[in-house]
Amino acid sequence: MKQNVEKRNPQGIVDYLALALTTWGVGYLPLMPGTFGSMVGVLIYFGVVWFDISVGVQFVTAGYTPDQITALIWASNSILLITFIIIGIWASGRTIEILGNTDPSEAVVDEVLGVLITLLFIPQGAGWIYILAGFGLFRLFDIWKPYPIDSLQSLPAGVGVCADDIVAGVYAGMCLSIGYAITILV
């Protein structure tokens, strides 16, 4: 639930950094900032996949087994995602007063996180159809907000901004992984 708070001007580089991380620049676009933020999440996903492939090739030439490479990539991606969640919660919490709202529409870091979480539920390289399906499922759960997603928005500060989209990402990811499992079994 959006509530207005006393708005203030950004003060210093830390506030501008928090704004940049919260809005990703696309949060200021009219009409569909959440959809644009979700698209940023897909672009970040592609960057991570490209990086993982590059690192995987390096590990292959160094003599690591495929299981070792997979474990290293999953561990590093999990640490990266947790770090990004913590930074996203901090940044969105800091920008609440700057944007003058407890759940500002300009804040899209939550959508970025939600899409990244959704796509974590399928193997890298699963294909465009699964990435598009993950994007669509996340947007569906983000807009629909089934229980308990809607109530999570009332949590304080940046947690309230991000928690609902994190859970929407988990719901969408579970549906996506079930769909993926069904299609590879058929």
N, C-alpha and C. Protein backbone atom coordinates (compact mmCIF):
# COMPACT_ATOMS: atom_id res chain seq x y z
N MET A 1 0.84 -1.17 0.00
CA MET A 1 0.00 0.00 0.00
C MET A 1 0.89 1.24 0.00
N LYS A 2 0.68 2.10 -0.97
CA LYS A 2 1.48 3.31 -1.08
C LYS A 2 1.02 4.34 -0.06
N GLN A 3 2.00 4.93 0.61
CA GLN A 3 1.73 6.03 1.53
C GLN A 3 2.73 7.12 1.24
N ASN A 4 2.24 8.34 1.21
CA ASN A 4 3.15 9.47 1.00
C ASN A 4 3.95 9.72 2.27
N VAL A 5 5.20 10.06 2.08
CA VAL A 5 6.07 10.45 3.19
C VAL A 5 6.67 11.81 2.82
N GLU A 6 7.25 12.45 3.81
CA GLU A 6 7.85 13.75 3.53
C GLU A 6 9.00 13.58 2.54
N LYS A 7 8.90 14.30 1.45
CA LYS A 7 9.88 14.21 0.36
C LYS A 7 11.07 15.12 0.67
N ARG A 8 12.26 14.65 0.30
CA ARG A 8 13.46 15.48 0.46
C ARG A 8 14.32 15.37 -0.79
N ASN A 9 15.19 16.32 -0.98
CA ASN A 9 16.11 16.30 -2.12
C ASN A 9 17.28 15.36 -1.82
N PRO A 10 17.83 14.74 -2.87
CA PRO A 10 19.01 13.90 -2.66
C PRO A 10 20.15 14.72 -2.06
N GLN A 11 20.87 14.12 -1.12
CA GLN A 11 21.96 14.80 -0.44
C GLN A 11 23.24 13.98 -0.57
N GLY A 12 24.01 14.27 -1.56
CA GLY A 12 25.30 13.62 -1.70
C GLY A 12 25.28 12.42 -2.63
N ILE A 13 26.46 11.88 -2.83
CA ILE A 13 26.65 10.80 -3.79
C ILE A 13 25.96 9.51 -3.38
N VAL A 14 25.85 9.27 -2.08
CA VAL A 14 25.21 8.03 -1.62
C VAL A 14 23.72 8.04 -1.99
N ASP A 15 23.06 9.18 -1.84
CA ASP A 15 21.65 9.27 -2.25
C ASP A 15 21.49 9.08 -3.76
N TYR A 16 22.37 9.67 -4.55
CA TYR A 16 22.29 9.50 -6.00
C TYR A 16 22.58 8.06 -6.42
N LEU A 17 23.50 7.41 -5.72
CA LEU A 17 23.77 5.99 -5.99
C LEU A 17 22.55 5.15 -5.65
N ALA A 18 21.92 5.43 -4.50
CA ALA A 18 20.71 4.70 -4.11
C ALA A 18 19.60 4.90 -5.14
N LEU A 19 19.43 6.13 -5.61
CA LEU A 19 18.42 6.41 -6.65
C LEU A 19 18.72 5.64 -7.93
N ALA A 20 19.97 5.63 -8.34
CA ALA A 20 20.36 4.92 -9.57
C ALA A 20 20.08 3.43 -9.44
N LEU A 21 20.43 2.85 -8.29
CA LEU A 21 20.21 1.42 -8.09
C LEU A 21 18.73 1.08 -7.94
N THR A 22 17.96 2.01 -7.42
CA THR A 22 16.53 1.77 -7.22
C THR A 22 15.75 1.92 -8.52
N THR A 23 16.10 2.89 -9.32
CA THR A 23 15.32 3.18 -10.54
C THR A 23 15.90 2.56 -11.80
N TRP A 24 17.18 2.24 -11.80
CA TRP A 24 17.87 1.74 -13.00
C TRP A 24 17.64 2.65 -14.20
N GLY A 25 17.25 3.87 -13.96
CA GLY A 25 17.00 4.82 -15.05
C GLY A 25 15.67 4.62 -15.72
N VAL A 26 15.16 3.41 -15.77
CA VAL A 26 13.90 3.13 -16.45
C VAL A 26 12.70 3.36 -15.56
N GLY A 27 12.92 3.55 -14.27
CA GLY A 27 11.82 3.80 -13.35
C GLY A 27 11.11 5.12 -13.62
N TYR A 28 11.79 6.00 -14.33
CA TYR A 28 11.21 7.30 -14.65
C TYR A 28 10.43 7.30 -15.96
N LEU A 29 10.47 6.19 -16.68
CA LEU A 29 9.72 6.12 -17.94
C LEU A 29 8.23 6.06 -17.67
N PRO A 30 7.42 6.68 -18.52
CA PRO A 30 5.97 6.69 -18.27
C PRO A 30 5.32 5.35 -18.57
N LEU A 31 4.14 5.18 -18.06
CA LEU A 31 3.22 4.07 -18.33
C LEU A 31 3.57 2.76 -17.62
N MET A 32 4.70 2.14 -17.90
CA MET A 32 4.97 0.80 -17.41
C MET A 32 6.36 0.66 -16.79
N PRO A 33 6.68 1.41 -15.75
CA PRO A 33 8.04 1.31 -15.22
C PRO A 33 8.37 -0.10 -14.69
N GLY A 34 7.38 -0.80 -14.14
CA GLY A 34 7.62 -2.15 -13.64
C GLY A 34 7.99 -3.12 -14.75
N THR A 35 7.35 -2.98 -15.88
CA THR A 35 7.66 -3.84 -17.03
C THR A 35 9.06 -3.52 -17.55
N PHE A 36 9.40 -2.23 -17.61
CA PHE A 36 10.74 -1.86 -18.05
C PHE A 36 11.80 -2.37 -17.06
N GLY A 37 11.49 -2.29 -15.77
CA GLY A 37 12.41 -2.82 -14.76
C GLY A 37 12.59 -4.32 -14.91
N SER A 38 11.51 -5.04 -15.24
CA SER A 38 11.61 -6.48 -15.48
C SER A 38 12.48 -6.77 -16.69
N MET A 39 12.40 -5.92 -17.71
CA MET A 39 13.26 -6.08 -18.89
C MET A 39 14.73 -5.88 -18.52
N VAL A 40 15.00 -4.94 -17.61
CA VAL A 40 16.38 -4.77 -17.13
C VAL A 40 16.84 -6.06 -16.46
N GLY A 41 15.96 -6.69 -15.69
CA GLY A 41 16.30 -7.96 -15.05
C GLY A 41 16.68 -9.03 -16.06
N VAL A 42 15.94 -9.09 -17.17
CA VAL A 42 16.26 -10.06 -18.23
C VAL A 42 17.63 -9.74 -18.84
N LEU A 43 17.91 -8.47 -19.07
CA LEU A 43 19.22 -8.09 -19.62
C LEU A 43 20.36 -8.47 -18.66
N ILE A 44 20.15 -8.26 -17.37
CA ILE A 44 21.16 -8.66 -16.38
C ILE A 44 21.34 -10.17 -16.41
N TYR A 45 20.23 -10.89 -16.54
CA TYR A 45 20.29 -12.35 -16.63
C TYR A 45 21.17 -12.78 -17.81
N PHE A 46 20.96 -12.15 -18.97
CA PHE A 46 21.79 -12.48 -20.13
C PHE A 46 23.27 -12.18 -19.86
N GLY A 47 23.55 -11.08 -19.19
CA GLY A 47 24.93 -10.74 -18.84
C GLY A 47 25.54 -11.78 -17.91
N VAL A 48 24.78 -12.24 -16.94
CA VAL A 48 25.29 -13.26 -16.01
C VAL A 48 25.53 -14.57 -16.75
N VAL A 49 24.61 -14.95 -17.63
CA VAL A 49 24.79 -16.19 -18.40
C VAL A 49 26.03 -16.10 -19.28
N TRP A 50 26.21 -14.96 -19.95
CA TRP A 50 27.40 -14.78 -20.78
C TRP A 50 28.67 -14.89 -19.93
N PHE A 51 28.67 -14.25 -18.77
CA PHE A 51 29.83 -14.30 -17.88
C PHE A 51 30.07 -15.74 -17.40
N ASP A 52 29.00 -16.44 -17.02
CA ASP A 52 29.13 -17.82 -16.56
C ASP A 52 29.71 -18.73 -17.65
N ILE A 53 29.29 -18.52 -18.88
CA ILE A 53 29.83 -19.32 -19.99
C ILE A 53 31.31 -19.02 -20.16
N SER A 54 31.68 -17.75 -20.11
CA SER A 54 33.08 -17.36 -20.25
C SER A 54 33.94 -17.97 -19.14
N VAL A 55 33.45 -17.90 -17.91
CA VAL A 55 34.18 -18.47 -16.78
C VAL A 55 34.23 -19.99 -16.88
N GLY A 56 33.11 -20.58 -17.32
CA GLY A 56 33.07 -22.04 -17.47
C GLY A 56 34.11 -22.54 -18.45
N VAL A 57 34.29 -21.82 -19.55
CA VAL A 57 35.32 -22.20 -20.54
C VAL A 57 36.70 -22.14 -19.89
N GLN A 58 36.93 -21.10 -19.09
CA GLN A 58 38.22 -20.98 -18.39
C GLN A 58 38.45 -22.16 -17.46
N PHE A 59 37.39 -22.57 -16.73
CA PHE A 59 37.53 -23.69 -15.80
C PHE A 59 37.74 -25.01 -16.53
N VAL A 60 37.12 -25.17 -17.70
CA VAL A 60 37.32 -26.39 -18.49
C VAL A 60 38.78 -26.51 -18.90
N THR A 61 39.34 -25.40 -19.37
CA THR A 61 40.75 -25.44 -19.79
C THR A 61 41.69 -25.62 -18.60
N ALA A 62 41.22 -25.30 -17.39
CA ALA A 62 42.04 -25.49 -16.19
C ALA A 62 41.90 -26.90 -15.63
N GLY A 63 41.02 -27.72 -16.23
CA GLY A 63 40.91 -29.11 -15.83
C GLY A 63 39.81 -29.44 -14.83
N TYR A 64 38.92 -28.50 -14.55
CA TYR A 64 37.80 -28.78 -13.64
C TYR A 64 36.78 -29.67 -14.33
N THR A 65 36.07 -30.48 -13.55
CA THR A 65 35.02 -31.35 -14.11
C THR A 65 33.75 -30.53 -14.30
N PRO A 66 32.84 -31.01 -15.15
CA PRO A 66 31.57 -30.29 -15.32
C PRO A 66 30.79 -30.10 -14.01
N ASP A 67 30.81 -31.11 -13.14
CA ASP A 67 30.11 -30.98 -11.85
C ASP A 67 30.74 -29.89 -10.99
N GLN A 68 32.05 -29.81 -10.99
CA GLN A 68 32.73 -28.75 -10.22
C GLN A 68 32.40 -27.37 -10.79
N ILE A 69 32.39 -27.26 -12.09
CA ILE A 69 32.08 -25.98 -12.73
C ILE A 69 30.64 -25.56 -12.41
N THR A 70 29.71 -26.50 -12.50
CA THR A 70 28.31 -26.21 -12.19
C THR A 70 28.17 -25.75 -10.74
N ALA A 71 28.83 -26.43 -9.83
CA ALA A 71 28.76 -26.06 -8.41
C ALA A 71 29.33 -24.67 -8.17
N LEU A 72 30.45 -24.36 -8.80
CA LEU A 72 31.05 -23.03 -8.65
C LEU A 72 30.15 -21.94 -9.21
N ILE A 73 29.56 -22.19 -10.35
CA ILE A 73 28.68 -21.19 -10.98
C ILE A 73 27.44 -20.98 -10.12
N TRP A 74 26.80 -22.06 -9.65
CA TRP A 74 25.61 -21.92 -8.81
C TRP A 74 25.94 -21.19 -7.51
N ALA A 75 27.06 -21.53 -6.90
CA ALA A 75 27.44 -20.86 -5.65
C ALA A 75 27.70 -19.38 -5.88
N SER A 76 28.44 -19.04 -6.93
CA SER A 76 28.74 -17.62 -7.18
C SER A 76 27.48 -16.86 -7.57
N ASN A 77 26.59 -17.46 -8.36
CA ASN A 77 25.35 -16.78 -8.73
C ASN A 77 24.44 -16.58 -7.51
N SER A 78 24.42 -17.54 -6.60
CA SER A 78 23.61 -17.41 -5.38
C SER A 78 24.13 -16.29 -4.50
N ILE A 79 25.45 -16.22 -4.35
CA ILE A 79 26.05 -15.14 -3.56
C ILE A 79 25.78 -13.79 -4.22
N LEU A 80 25.90 -13.74 -5.53
CA LEU A 80 25.62 -12.50 -6.28
C LEU A 80 24.18 -12.06 -6.08
N LEU A 81 23.23 -12.99 -6.16
CA LEU A 81 21.81 -12.65 -6.00
C LEU A 81 21.52 -12.18 -4.58
N ILE A 82 22.04 -12.85 -3.58
CA ILE A 82 21.82 -12.43 -2.19
C ILE A 82 22.41 -11.04 -1.97
N THR A 83 23.59 -10.79 -2.50
CA THR A 83 24.21 -9.47 -2.37
C THR A 83 23.34 -8.42 -3.05
N PHE A 84 22.83 -8.74 -4.23
CA PHE A 84 21.99 -7.81 -4.97
C PHE A 84 20.69 -7.53 -4.21
N ILE A 85 20.11 -8.56 -3.58
CA ILE A 85 18.89 -8.36 -2.79
C ILE A 85 19.16 -7.41 -1.63
N ILE A 86 20.27 -7.62 -0.92
CA ILE A 86 20.62 -6.75 0.21
C ILE A 86 20.82 -5.31 -0.26
N ILE A 87 21.55 -5.14 -1.35
CA ILE A 87 21.78 -3.79 -1.89
C ILE A 87 20.47 -3.17 -2.36
N GLY A 88 19.61 -3.95 -3.00
CA GLY A 88 18.32 -3.45 -3.47
C GLY A 88 17.42 -3.00 -2.33
N ILE A 89 17.41 -3.76 -1.24
CA ILE A 89 16.61 -3.38 -0.07
C ILE A 89 17.16 -2.09 0.53
N TRP A 90 18.48 -2.01 0.66
CA TRP A 90 19.10 -0.80 1.20
C TRP A 90 18.78 0.41 0.32
N ALA A 91 18.99 0.27 -0.99
CA ALA A 91 18.82 1.40 -1.91
C ALA A 91 17.37 1.86 -1.95
N SER A 92 16.44 0.93 -2.04
CA SER A 92 15.03 1.34 -2.10
C SER A 92 14.58 1.94 -0.78
N GLY A 93 15.09 1.43 0.33
CA GLY A 93 14.76 2.03 1.62
C GLY A 93 15.27 3.46 1.73
N ARG A 94 16.44 3.69 1.21
CA ARG A 94 17.04 5.03 1.27
C ARG A 94 16.30 6.02 0.37
N THR A 95 15.73 5.53 -0.72
CA THR A 95 15.09 6.45 -1.67
C THR A 95 13.62 6.72 -1.37
N ILE A 96 13.05 6.05 -0.38
CA ILE A 96 11.64 6.29 -0.05
C ILE A 96 11.39 7.76 0.25
N GLU A 97 12.24 8.37 1.07
CA GLU A 97 12.06 9.78 1.40
C GLU A 97 12.37 10.69 0.21
N ILE A 98 13.34 10.29 -0.60
CA ILE A 98 13.71 11.11 -1.75
C ILE A 98 12.56 11.16 -2.76
N LEU A 99 11.91 10.01 -2.97
CA LEU A 99 10.81 9.95 -3.94
C LEU A 99 9.46 10.30 -3.31
N GLY A 100 9.40 10.37 -1.96
CA GLY A 100 8.20 10.81 -1.28
C GLY A 100 7.08 9.80 -1.22
N ASN A 101 7.40 8.49 -1.21
CA ASN A 101 6.38 7.46 -1.19
C ASN A 101 6.97 6.18 -0.62
N THR A 102 6.16 5.40 0.13
CA THR A 102 6.68 4.16 0.71
C THR A 102 6.81 3.04 -0.32
N ASP A 103 6.13 3.17 -1.45
CA ASP A 103 6.30 2.20 -2.54
C ASP A 103 6.26 2.97 -3.86
N PRO A 104 7.32 3.72 -4.16
CA PRO A 104 7.30 4.59 -5.34
C PRO A 104 7.29 3.79 -6.64
N SER A 105 6.51 4.27 -7.60
CA SER A 105 6.45 3.59 -8.89
C SER A 105 7.79 3.68 -9.62
N GLU A 106 8.61 4.66 -9.29
CA GLU A 106 9.93 4.79 -9.93
C GLU A 106 10.90 3.70 -9.48
N ALA A 107 10.61 3.10 -8.34
CA ALA A 107 11.48 2.03 -7.81
C ALA A 107 11.22 0.75 -8.59
N VAL A 108 12.20 0.32 -9.37
CA VAL A 108 12.06 -0.90 -10.16
C VAL A 108 13.08 -1.97 -9.78
N VAL A 109 13.91 -1.68 -8.78
CA VAL A 109 14.89 -2.69 -8.36
C VAL A 109 14.17 -3.95 -7.90
N ASP A 110 12.97 -3.81 -7.35
CA ASP A 110 12.21 -4.98 -6.93
C ASP A 110 11.80 -5.86 -8.11
N GLU A 111 11.45 -5.23 -9.23
CA GLU A 111 11.13 -6.01 -10.43
C GLU A 111 12.37 -6.69 -11.00
N VAL A 112 13.49 -5.99 -10.96
CA VAL A 112 14.75 -6.59 -11.42
C VAL A 112 15.04 -7.85 -10.59
N LEU A 113 14.93 -7.72 -9.29
CA LEU A 113 15.18 -8.86 -8.40
C LEU A 113 14.20 -10.00 -8.67
N GLY A 114 12.92 -9.65 -8.84
CA GLY A 114 11.90 -10.68 -9.06
C GLY A 114 12.14 -11.50 -10.31
N VAL A 115 12.52 -10.83 -11.39
CA VAL A 115 12.80 -11.55 -12.64
C VAL A 115 14.04 -12.44 -12.49
N LEU A 116 15.08 -11.91 -11.85
CA LEU A 116 16.29 -12.72 -11.64
C LEU A 116 15.99 -13.96 -10.81
N ILE A 117 15.16 -13.81 -9.79
CA ILE A 117 14.77 -14.96 -8.98
C ILE A 117 13.97 -15.95 -9.80
N THR A 118 13.03 -15.46 -10.59
CA THR A 118 12.22 -16.33 -11.45
C THR A 118 13.10 -17.17 -12.37
N LEU A 119 14.05 -16.53 -13.03
CA LEU A 119 14.88 -17.23 -14.01
C LEU A 119 15.91 -18.15 -13.37
N LEU A 120 16.10 -18.02 -12.07
CA LEU A 120 16.99 -18.93 -11.34
C LEU A 120 16.42 -20.35 -11.29
N PHE A 121 15.12 -20.47 -11.52
CA PHE A 121 14.44 -21.77 -11.40
C PHE A 121 14.57 -22.65 -12.64
N ILE A 122 15.19 -22.13 -13.70
CA ILE A 122 15.40 -22.95 -14.91
C ILE A 122 16.89 -23.00 -15.20
N PRO A 123 17.33 -24.04 -15.91
CA PRO A 123 18.76 -24.11 -16.25
C PRO A 123 19.16 -23.00 -17.21
N GLN A 124 20.39 -22.52 -17.06
CA GLN A 124 20.89 -21.53 -18.01
C GLN A 124 20.91 -22.17 -19.39
N GLY A 125 20.53 -21.40 -20.38
CA GLY A 125 20.50 -21.91 -21.74
C GLY A 125 19.24 -22.69 -22.05
N ALA A 126 18.21 -22.56 -21.22
CA ALA A 126 16.97 -23.31 -21.44
C ALA A 126 16.25 -22.84 -22.70
N GLY A 127 16.49 -21.63 -23.14
CA GLY A 127 15.89 -21.15 -24.38
C GLY A 127 15.03 -19.92 -24.17
N TRP A 128 14.84 -19.20 -25.28
CA TRP A 128 14.07 -17.96 -25.27
C TRP A 128 12.65 -18.15 -24.76
N ILE A 129 12.02 -19.25 -25.13
CA ILE A 129 10.62 -19.44 -24.76
C ILE A 129 10.45 -19.47 -23.24
N TYR A 130 11.44 -20.05 -22.55
CA TYR A 130 11.36 -20.12 -21.09
C TYR A 130 11.67 -18.77 -20.45
N ILE A 131 12.56 -18.01 -21.06
CA ILE A 131 12.86 -16.68 -20.55
C ILE A 131 11.63 -15.78 -20.72
N LEU A 132 10.99 -15.85 -21.88
CA LEU A 132 9.77 -15.07 -22.09
C LEU A 132 8.64 -15.53 -21.16
N ALA A 133 8.53 -16.84 -20.97
CA ALA A 133 7.51 -17.36 -20.06
C ALA A 133 7.80 -16.91 -18.62
N GLY A 134 9.06 -16.92 -18.23
CA GLY A 134 9.43 -16.45 -16.89
C GLY A 134 9.10 -14.97 -16.71
N PHE A 135 9.42 -14.19 -17.72
CA PHE A 135 9.09 -12.76 -17.70
C PHE A 135 7.59 -12.57 -17.54
N GLY A 136 6.80 -13.27 -18.35
CA GLY A 136 5.35 -13.15 -18.29
C GLY A 136 4.77 -13.63 -16.98
N LEU A 137 5.27 -14.77 -16.48
CA LEU A 137 4.78 -15.28 -15.20
C LEU A 137 5.10 -14.32 -14.06
N PHE A 138 6.31 -13.76 -14.08
CA PHE A 138 6.65 -12.82 -13.03
C PHE A 138 5.73 -11.60 -13.07
N ARG A 139 5.52 -11.05 -14.25
CA ARG A 139 4.64 -9.87 -14.36
C ARG A 139 3.23 -10.22 -13.89
N LEU A 140 2.75 -11.43 -14.21
CA LEU A 140 1.42 -11.87 -13.78
C LEU A 140 1.34 -11.87 -12.24
N PHE A 141 2.30 -12.52 -11.58
CA PHE A 141 2.27 -12.60 -10.12
C PHE A 141 2.53 -11.23 -9.48
N ASP A 142 3.33 -10.39 -10.12
CA ASP A 142 3.61 -9.06 -9.59
C ASP A 142 2.35 -8.19 -9.62
N ILE A 143 1.54 -8.34 -10.66
CA ILE A 143 0.32 -7.54 -10.78
C ILE A 143 -0.82 -8.16 -9.97
N TRP A 144 -0.96 -9.47 -10.04
CA TRP A 144 -2.04 -10.19 -9.37
C TRP A 144 -1.88 -10.16 -7.85
N LYS A 145 -0.70 -10.37 -7.37
CA LYS A 145 -0.34 -10.36 -5.95
C LYS A 145 -1.18 -11.31 -5.09
N PRO A 146 -1.13 -12.63 -5.41
CA PRO A 146 -1.86 -13.57 -4.54
C PRO A 146 -1.22 -13.64 -3.15
N TYR A 147 -1.95 -14.21 -2.22
CA TYR A 147 -1.50 -14.30 -0.83
C TYR A 147 -0.13 -14.96 -0.76
N PRO A 148 0.78 -14.48 0.05
CA PRO A 148 0.78 -13.31 0.93
C PRO A 148 1.46 -12.10 0.29
N ILE A 149 1.58 -12.10 -1.01
CA ILE A 149 2.37 -11.06 -1.69
C ILE A 149 1.86 -9.66 -1.36
N ASP A 150 0.55 -9.44 -1.44
CA ASP A 150 0.01 -8.10 -1.24
C ASP A 150 0.31 -7.57 0.17
N SER A 151 0.24 -8.44 1.16
CA SER A 151 0.46 -7.99 2.55
C SER A 151 1.93 -7.66 2.83
N LEU A 152 2.84 -8.17 2.02
CA LEU A 152 4.27 -7.91 2.25
C LEU A 152 4.65 -6.47 1.97
N GLN A 153 3.84 -5.76 1.20
CA GLN A 153 4.14 -4.36 0.88
C GLN A 153 4.07 -3.45 2.09
N SER A 154 3.42 -3.93 3.16
CA SER A 154 3.29 -3.10 4.37
C SER A 154 4.50 -3.25 5.30
N LEU A 155 5.46 -4.08 4.94
CA LEU A 155 6.69 -4.19 5.73
C LEU A 155 7.45 -2.87 5.65
N PRO A 156 8.29 -2.59 6.64
CA PRO A 156 8.93 -1.27 6.67
C PRO A 156 10.03 -1.09 5.61
N ALA A 157 10.16 0.15 5.17
CA ALA A 157 11.27 0.65 4.33
C ALA A 157 11.50 -0.20 3.09
N GLY A 158 12.77 -0.48 2.79
CA GLY A 158 13.14 -1.19 1.57
C GLY A 158 12.67 -2.63 1.55
N VAL A 159 12.48 -3.23 2.72
CA VAL A 159 11.94 -4.60 2.77
C VAL A 159 10.54 -4.61 2.18
N GLY A 160 9.73 -3.60 2.52
CA GLY A 160 8.38 -3.52 1.98
C GLY A 160 8.34 -3.28 0.48
N VAL A 161 9.34 -2.57 -0.02
CA VAL A 161 9.41 -2.33 -1.47
C VAL A 161 9.76 -3.62 -2.20
N CYS A 162 10.69 -4.40 -1.66
CA CYS A 162 11.24 -5.55 -2.38
C CYS A 162 10.59 -6.90 -2.06
N ALA A 163 10.07 -7.08 -0.85
CA ALA A 163 9.62 -8.41 -0.42
C ALA A 163 8.51 -8.98 -1.30
N ASP A 164 7.55 -8.16 -1.69
CA ASP A 164 6.45 -8.67 -2.51
C ASP A 164 6.94 -9.19 -3.86
N ASP A 165 7.91 -8.51 -4.45
CA ASP A 165 8.42 -8.96 -5.75
C ASP A 165 9.35 -10.15 -5.61
N ILE A 166 10.02 -10.27 -4.49
CA ILE A 166 10.84 -11.45 -4.24
C ILE A 166 9.95 -12.69 -4.17
N VAL A 167 8.84 -12.60 -3.43
CA VAL A 167 7.92 -13.74 -3.34
C VAL A 167 7.21 -13.97 -4.68
N ALA A 168 6.85 -12.91 -5.39
CA ALA A 168 6.27 -13.08 -6.73
C ALA A 168 7.25 -13.81 -7.64
N GLY A 169 8.55 -13.49 -7.50
CA GLY A 169 9.57 -14.19 -8.28
C GLY A 169 9.66 -15.67 -7.93
N VAL A 170 9.50 -15.99 -6.66
CA VAL A 170 9.52 -17.40 -6.24
C VAL A 170 8.29 -18.12 -6.80
N TYR A 171 7.10 -17.51 -6.69
CA TYR A 171 5.89 -18.12 -7.24
C TYR A 171 6.03 -18.35 -8.74
N ALA A 172 6.48 -17.31 -9.45
CA ALA A 172 6.65 -17.43 -10.90
C ALA A 172 7.70 -18.48 -11.24
N GLY A 173 8.79 -18.50 -10.47
CA GLY A 173 9.85 -19.48 -10.71
C GLY A 173 9.37 -20.91 -10.51
N MET A 174 8.54 -21.13 -9.49
CA MET A 174 8.01 -22.49 -9.28
C MET A 174 7.13 -22.91 -10.45
N CYS A 175 6.26 -22.02 -10.92
CA CYS A 175 5.43 -22.34 -12.08
C CYS A 175 6.28 -22.58 -13.32
N LEU A 176 7.31 -21.76 -13.49
CA LEU A 176 8.20 -21.90 -14.64
C LEU A 176 8.95 -23.23 -14.60
N SER A 177 9.44 -23.61 -13.43
CA SER A 177 10.18 -24.87 -13.33
C SER A 177 9.26 -26.08 -13.56
N ILE A 178 8.02 -25.98 -13.10
CA ILE A 178 7.06 -27.07 -13.37
C ILE A 178 6.80 -27.16 -14.88
N GLY A 179 6.57 -26.02 -15.51
CA GLY A 179 6.38 -26.01 -16.97
C GLY A 179 7.59 -26.55 -17.71
N TYR A 180 8.78 -26.17 -17.26
CA TYR A 180 10.01 -26.66 -17.89
C TYR A 180 10.11 -28.17 -17.73
N ALA A 181 9.84 -28.68 -16.54
CA ALA A 181 9.93 -30.12 -16.29
C ALA A 181 8.93 -30.89 -17.16
N ILE A 182 7.74 -30.37 -17.28
CA ILE A 182 6.72 -31.04 -18.10
C ILE A 182 7.15 -31.06 -19.56
N THR A 183 7.68 -29.95 -20.07
CA THR A 183 8.05 -29.91 -21.49
C THR A 183 9.25 -30.80 -21.80
N ILE A 184 10.18 -30.97 -20.88
CA ILE A 184 11.32 -31.84 -21.18
C ILE A 184 10.97 -33.31 -20.99
N LEU A 185 9.90 -33.61 -20.26
CA LEU A 185 9.47 -34.99 -20.07
C LEU A 185 8.61 -35.47 -21.23
N VAL A 186 7.97 -34.56 -21.93
CA VAL A 186 7.06 -34.94 -23.02
C VAL A 186 7.81 -35.19 -24.28
